[in-house]
Amino acid sequence: MAQAARPHHGLLSFLDTDGKPHPVQNAFAVTTLVIGAIAFVTAYFTQLHLVSSWTGLVGMITGAWGQLISATTGERFVLIIGLGAAGVGFYLGMAHGGLFGGVLG
């Protein structure tokens, strides 16, 4: 069992704490983190409420689905950070003008 003795090296190997690769779950975790960061940063600019509210909504949906399919604690940790940032971005974007912001009426 030489493969068991070799450490798993990769860009996201810290998410695979059980020693098995989880490419789909890792992709959801990283995507949620990136989208959440975009929503969080754009939420502090009132004129970017469309960007922050939509990216926050997408980040919360991808984060929720990622939580459902996550396999390790590392993935869940990254997902919760991304979900929190997406939630802040979504709710501040909604407070600044909403998802449509006067486009529909």
N, C-alpha and C. Protein backbone atom coordinates (compact mmCIF):
# COMPACT_ATOMS: atom_id res chain seq x y z
N MET A 1 0.83 -1.18 0.00
CA MET A 1 0.00 0.00 0.00
C MET A 1 0.87 1.24 0.00
N ALA A 2 1.64 1.38 -1.06
CA ALA A 2 2.52 2.54 -1.16
C ALA A 2 1.74 3.82 -1.35
N GLN A 3 0.58 3.75 -1.99
CA GLN A 3 -0.22 4.95 -2.20
C GLN A 3 -0.76 5.51 -0.89
N ALA A 4 -0.95 4.69 0.11
CA ALA A 4 -1.43 5.18 1.40
C ALA A 4 -0.34 5.95 2.15
N ALA A 5 0.91 5.63 1.87
CA ALA A 5 2.02 6.29 2.56
C ALA A 5 2.34 7.64 1.94
N ARG A 6 2.01 7.82 0.68
CA ARG A 6 2.30 9.09 0.02
C ARG A 6 1.27 10.14 0.39
N PRO A 7 1.73 11.33 0.76
CA PRO A 7 0.75 12.38 1.07
C PRO A 7 0.10 12.91 -0.20
N HIS A 8 -1.12 13.34 -0.05
CA HIS A 8 -1.89 13.89 -1.17
C HIS A 8 -1.49 15.35 -1.35
N HIS A 9 -0.90 15.68 -2.48
CA HIS A 9 -0.48 17.05 -2.75
C HIS A 9 -1.36 17.65 -3.83
N GLY A 10 -1.74 18.86 -3.62
CA GLY A 10 -2.55 19.56 -4.59
C GLY A 10 -2.91 20.93 -4.07
N LEU A 11 -3.51 21.71 -4.92
CA LEU A 11 -3.86 23.07 -4.55
C LEU A 11 -4.89 23.11 -3.44
N LEU A 12 -5.85 22.22 -3.47
CA LEU A 12 -6.92 22.20 -2.47
C LEU A 12 -6.84 20.96 -1.59
N SER A 13 -5.66 20.44 -1.35
CA SER A 13 -5.53 19.22 -0.56
C SER A 13 -5.90 19.43 0.90
N PHE A 14 -5.87 20.67 1.38
CA PHE A 14 -6.26 20.93 2.77
C PHE A 14 -7.76 20.73 2.98
N LEU A 15 -8.54 20.72 1.91
CA LEU A 15 -9.97 20.46 2.04
C LEU A 15 -10.29 18.97 2.11
N ASP A 16 -9.39 18.15 1.62
CA ASP A 16 -9.61 16.70 1.59
C ASP A 16 -8.99 16.06 2.82
N THR A 17 -9.60 16.26 3.97
CA THR A 17 -9.03 15.77 5.22
C THR A 17 -9.19 14.27 5.40
N ASP A 18 -10.03 13.65 4.59
CA ASP A 18 -10.18 12.20 4.69
C ASP A 18 -9.23 11.45 3.77
N GLY A 19 -8.40 12.17 3.02
CA GLY A 19 -7.42 11.54 2.15
C GLY A 19 -7.93 11.19 0.77
N LYS A 20 -9.20 11.39 0.51
CA LYS A 20 -9.77 11.09 -0.80
C LYS A 20 -10.04 12.40 -1.53
N PRO A 21 -9.87 12.42 -2.84
CA PRO A 21 -10.18 13.64 -3.58
C PRO A 21 -11.69 13.84 -3.74
N HIS A 22 -12.12 15.08 -3.60
CA HIS A 22 -13.52 15.45 -3.78
C HIS A 22 -13.58 16.67 -4.70
N PRO A 23 -13.40 16.49 -6.00
CA PRO A 23 -13.31 17.66 -6.89
C PRO A 23 -14.60 18.46 -7.00
N VAL A 24 -15.74 17.83 -6.99
CA VAL A 24 -17.01 18.55 -7.12
C VAL A 24 -17.27 19.36 -5.85
N GLN A 25 -17.09 18.73 -4.71
CA GLN A 25 -17.32 19.42 -3.44
C GLN A 25 -16.34 20.57 -3.24
N ASN A 26 -15.08 20.36 -3.63
CA ASN A 26 -14.09 21.44 -3.52
C ASN A 26 -14.43 22.59 -4.45
N ALA A 27 -14.95 22.28 -5.63
CA ALA A 27 -15.32 23.33 -6.57
C ALA A 27 -16.48 24.16 -6.01
N PHE A 28 -17.45 23.51 -5.39
CA PHE A 28 -18.54 24.26 -4.77
C PHE A 28 -18.04 25.14 -3.64
N ALA A 29 -17.10 24.63 -2.83
CA ALA A 29 -16.58 25.40 -1.71
C ALA A 29 -15.82 26.63 -2.20
N VAL A 30 -14.96 26.46 -3.16
CA VAL A 30 -14.17 27.59 -3.66
C VAL A 30 -15.05 28.58 -4.41
N THR A 31 -16.01 28.09 -5.19
CA THR A 31 -16.92 28.97 -5.91
C THR A 31 -17.76 29.80 -4.95
N THR A 32 -18.25 29.17 -3.90
CA THR A 32 -19.03 29.90 -2.90
C THR A 32 -18.18 30.96 -2.22
N LEU A 33 -16.94 30.63 -1.91
CA LEU A 33 -16.05 31.59 -1.26
C LEU A 33 -15.76 32.79 -2.17
N VAL A 34 -15.51 32.55 -3.44
CA VAL A 34 -15.21 33.64 -4.38
C VAL A 34 -16.45 34.50 -4.62
N ILE A 35 -17.58 33.88 -4.85
CA ILE A 35 -18.82 34.64 -5.08
C ILE A 35 -19.22 35.41 -3.83
N GLY A 36 -19.03 34.80 -2.67
CA GLY A 36 -19.33 35.49 -1.42
C GLY A 36 -18.43 36.69 -1.20
N ALA A 37 -17.16 36.57 -1.56
CA ALA A 37 -16.24 37.70 -1.43
C ALA A 37 -16.64 38.84 -2.36
N ILE A 38 -17.05 38.51 -3.57
CA ILE A 38 -17.50 39.55 -4.51
C ILE A 38 -18.75 40.24 -3.97
N ALA A 39 -19.70 39.47 -3.47
CA ALA A 39 -20.92 40.05 -2.92
C ALA A 39 -20.62 40.92 -1.71
N PHE A 40 -19.72 40.46 -0.86
CA PHE A 40 -19.38 41.19 0.36
C PHE A 40 -18.72 42.53 0.04
N VAL A 41 -17.79 42.52 -0.90
CA VAL A 41 -17.07 43.76 -1.25
C VAL A 41 -17.99 44.74 -1.96
N THR A 42 -18.79 44.25 -2.89
CA THR A 42 -19.65 45.17 -3.64
C THR A 42 -20.83 45.68 -2.82
N ALA A 43 -21.12 45.04 -1.70
CA ALA A 43 -22.25 45.47 -0.87
C ALA A 43 -22.00 46.82 -0.22
N TYR A 44 -20.77 47.23 -0.09
CA TYR A 44 -20.46 48.48 0.58
C TYR A 44 -20.48 49.69 -0.35
N PHE A 45 -20.82 49.46 -1.61
CA PHE A 45 -20.99 50.53 -2.57
C PHE A 45 -22.47 50.53 -2.97
N THR A 46 -23.19 51.57 -2.59
CA THR A 46 -24.64 51.57 -2.79
C THR A 46 -25.04 51.49 -4.26
N GLN A 47 -24.24 52.03 -5.14
CA GLN A 47 -24.58 52.00 -6.56
C GLN A 47 -24.37 50.61 -7.18
N LEU A 48 -23.72 49.70 -6.47
CA LEU A 48 -23.51 48.34 -6.97
C LEU A 48 -24.47 47.33 -6.34
N HIS A 49 -25.67 47.80 -5.96
CA HIS A 49 -26.61 46.92 -5.29
C HIS A 49 -27.09 45.77 -6.16
N LEU A 50 -27.15 45.98 -7.48
CA LEU A 50 -27.54 44.89 -8.36
C LEU A 50 -26.52 43.76 -8.34
N VAL A 51 -25.24 44.13 -8.39
CA VAL A 51 -24.17 43.12 -8.36
C VAL A 51 -24.17 42.40 -7.03
N SER A 52 -24.23 43.15 -5.93
CA SER A 52 -24.13 42.51 -4.62
C SER A 52 -25.35 41.64 -4.32
N SER A 53 -26.53 42.09 -4.70
CA SER A 53 -27.71 41.28 -4.39
C SER A 53 -27.75 40.01 -5.23
N TRP A 54 -27.44 40.10 -6.52
CA TRP A 54 -27.48 38.90 -7.36
C TRP A 54 -26.35 37.93 -7.04
N THR A 55 -25.14 38.44 -6.83
CA THR A 55 -24.05 37.52 -6.48
C THR A 55 -24.27 36.92 -5.09
N GLY A 56 -24.85 37.71 -4.19
CA GLY A 56 -25.18 37.16 -2.87
C GLY A 56 -26.19 36.04 -2.96
N LEU A 57 -27.20 36.22 -3.79
CA LEU A 57 -28.22 35.19 -3.96
C LEU A 57 -27.62 33.92 -4.57
N VAL A 58 -26.81 34.07 -5.59
CA VAL A 58 -26.17 32.92 -6.23
C VAL A 58 -25.21 32.25 -5.24
N GLY A 59 -24.49 33.05 -4.47
CA GLY A 59 -23.57 32.49 -3.48
C GLY A 59 -24.28 31.71 -2.39
N MET A 60 -25.44 32.20 -1.97
CA MET A 60 -26.19 31.46 -0.96
C MET A 60 -26.75 30.15 -1.51
N ILE A 61 -27.16 30.15 -2.77
CA ILE A 61 -27.69 28.92 -3.38
C ILE A 61 -26.57 27.90 -3.56
N THR A 62 -25.42 28.33 -4.10
CA THR A 62 -24.31 27.39 -4.28
C THR A 62 -23.76 26.91 -2.94
N GLY A 63 -23.74 27.79 -1.95
CA GLY A 63 -23.27 27.39 -0.63
C GLY A 63 -24.19 26.40 0.04
N ALA A 64 -25.50 26.58 -0.12
CA ALA A 64 -26.45 25.64 0.47
C ALA A 64 -26.33 24.27 -0.19
N TRP A 65 -26.19 24.26 -1.52
CA TRP A 65 -26.03 22.98 -2.20
C TRP A 65 -24.69 22.34 -1.84
N GLY A 66 -23.66 23.16 -1.70
CA GLY A 66 -22.36 22.64 -1.29
C GLY A 66 -22.40 22.03 0.10
N GLN A 67 -23.18 22.62 1.00
CA GLN A 67 -23.33 22.05 2.34
C GLN A 67 -24.01 20.69 2.27
N LEU A 68 -24.97 20.55 1.36
CA LEU A 68 -25.67 19.27 1.24
C LEU A 68 -24.76 18.15 0.74
N ILE A 69 -23.81 18.47 -0.13
CA ILE A 69 -22.98 17.42 -0.72
C ILE A 69 -21.57 17.38 -0.14
N SER A 70 -21.24 18.24 0.82
CA SER A 70 -19.88 18.29 1.35
C SER A 70 -19.54 16.99 2.08
N ALA A 71 -18.24 16.66 2.03
CA ALA A 71 -17.80 15.39 2.61
C ALA A 71 -16.85 15.57 3.78
N THR A 72 -16.18 16.71 3.89
CA THR A 72 -15.19 16.89 4.95
C THR A 72 -15.44 18.19 5.72
N THR A 73 -14.82 18.28 6.86
CA THR A 73 -14.95 19.47 7.70
C THR A 73 -14.30 20.68 7.05
N GLY A 74 -13.21 20.50 6.35
CA GLY A 74 -12.55 21.60 5.66
C GLY A 74 -13.45 22.25 4.62
N GLU A 75 -14.16 21.42 3.88
CA GLU A 75 -15.10 21.95 2.89
C GLU A 75 -16.22 22.72 3.56
N ARG A 76 -16.73 22.19 4.65
CA ARG A 76 -17.82 22.87 5.36
C ARG A 76 -17.36 24.20 5.94
N PHE A 77 -16.13 24.26 6.42
CA PHE A 77 -15.60 25.50 6.96
C PHE A 77 -15.55 26.58 5.89
N VAL A 78 -15.00 26.25 4.73
CA VAL A 78 -14.91 27.22 3.62
C VAL A 78 -16.30 27.61 3.15
N LEU A 79 -17.22 26.66 3.11
CA LEU A 79 -18.59 26.95 2.68
C LEU A 79 -19.29 27.91 3.64
N ILE A 80 -19.09 27.75 4.93
CA ILE A 80 -19.74 28.64 5.90
C ILE A 80 -19.19 30.05 5.79
N ILE A 81 -17.90 30.19 5.58
CA ILE A 81 -17.32 31.53 5.40
C ILE A 81 -17.91 32.18 4.14
N GLY A 82 -17.97 31.44 3.05
CA GLY A 82 -18.55 31.96 1.81
C GLY A 82 -20.02 32.26 1.94
N LEU A 83 -20.76 31.40 2.64
CA LEU A 83 -22.19 31.64 2.85
C LEU A 83 -22.43 32.90 3.67
N GLY A 84 -21.63 33.11 4.69
CA GLY A 84 -21.78 34.32 5.51
C GLY A 84 -21.51 35.57 4.70
N ALA A 85 -20.45 35.56 3.92
CA ALA A 85 -20.13 36.72 3.09
C ALA A 85 -21.21 36.95 2.03
N ALA A 86 -21.71 35.88 1.43
CA ALA A 86 -22.78 36.02 0.43
C ALA A 86 -24.05 36.54 1.06
N GLY A 87 -24.35 36.09 2.27
CA GLY A 87 -25.54 36.56 2.96
C GLY A 87 -25.47 38.04 3.29
N VAL A 88 -24.31 38.48 3.77
CA VAL A 88 -24.13 39.92 4.06
C VAL A 88 -24.27 40.72 2.77
N GLY A 89 -23.64 40.26 1.69
CA GLY A 89 -23.75 40.95 0.42
C GLY A 89 -25.16 41.00 -0.10
N PHE A 90 -25.87 39.88 0.03
CA PHE A 90 -27.25 39.83 -0.44
C PHE A 90 -28.13 40.79 0.33
N TYR A 91 -28.07 40.74 1.65
CA TYR A 91 -28.97 41.56 2.46
C TYR A 91 -28.64 43.05 2.37
N LEU A 92 -27.37 43.40 2.28
CA LEU A 92 -27.04 44.81 2.09
C LEU A 92 -27.41 45.28 0.69
N GLY A 93 -27.26 44.40 -0.29
CA GLY A 93 -27.71 44.74 -1.65
C GLY A 93 -29.21 44.94 -1.72
N MET A 94 -29.95 44.13 -0.98
CA MET A 94 -31.40 44.30 -0.93
C MET A 94 -31.76 45.61 -0.22
N ALA A 95 -31.03 45.96 0.79
CA ALA A 95 -31.31 47.21 1.51
C ALA A 95 -30.98 48.44 0.67
N HIS A 96 -30.01 48.31 -0.24
CA HIS A 96 -29.61 49.45 -1.06
C HIS A 96 -30.42 49.61 -2.33
N GLY A 97 -31.25 48.64 -2.68
CA GLY A 97 -32.03 48.81 -3.89
C GLY A 97 -32.65 47.54 -4.42
N GLY A 98 -32.18 46.39 -3.97
CA GLY A 98 -32.81 45.14 -4.36
C GLY A 98 -32.26 44.49 -5.60
N LEU A 99 -32.92 43.43 -5.99
CA LEU A 99 -32.48 42.62 -7.13
C LEU A 99 -32.72 43.31 -8.47
N PHE A 100 -33.74 44.15 -8.54
CA PHE A 100 -34.06 44.79 -9.81
C PHE A 100 -33.83 46.30 -9.76
N GLY A 101 -33.85 46.89 -8.59
CA GLY A 101 -33.45 48.27 -8.38
C GLY A 101 -34.08 49.31 -9.27
N GLY A 102 -35.38 49.25 -9.46
CA GLY A 102 -36.04 50.25 -10.27
C GLY A 102 -36.12 49.91 -11.74
N VAL A 103 -35.52 48.81 -12.16
CA VAL A 103 -35.55 48.42 -13.56
C VAL A 103 -36.96 47.98 -13.95
N LEU A 104 -37.66 47.32 -13.03
CA LEU A 104 -39.00 46.82 -13.34
C LEU A 104 -40.11 47.69 -12.78
N GLY A 105 -39.81 48.90 -12.42
CA GLY A 105 -40.92 49.71 -11.96
C GLY A 105 -40.51 50.74 -11.06
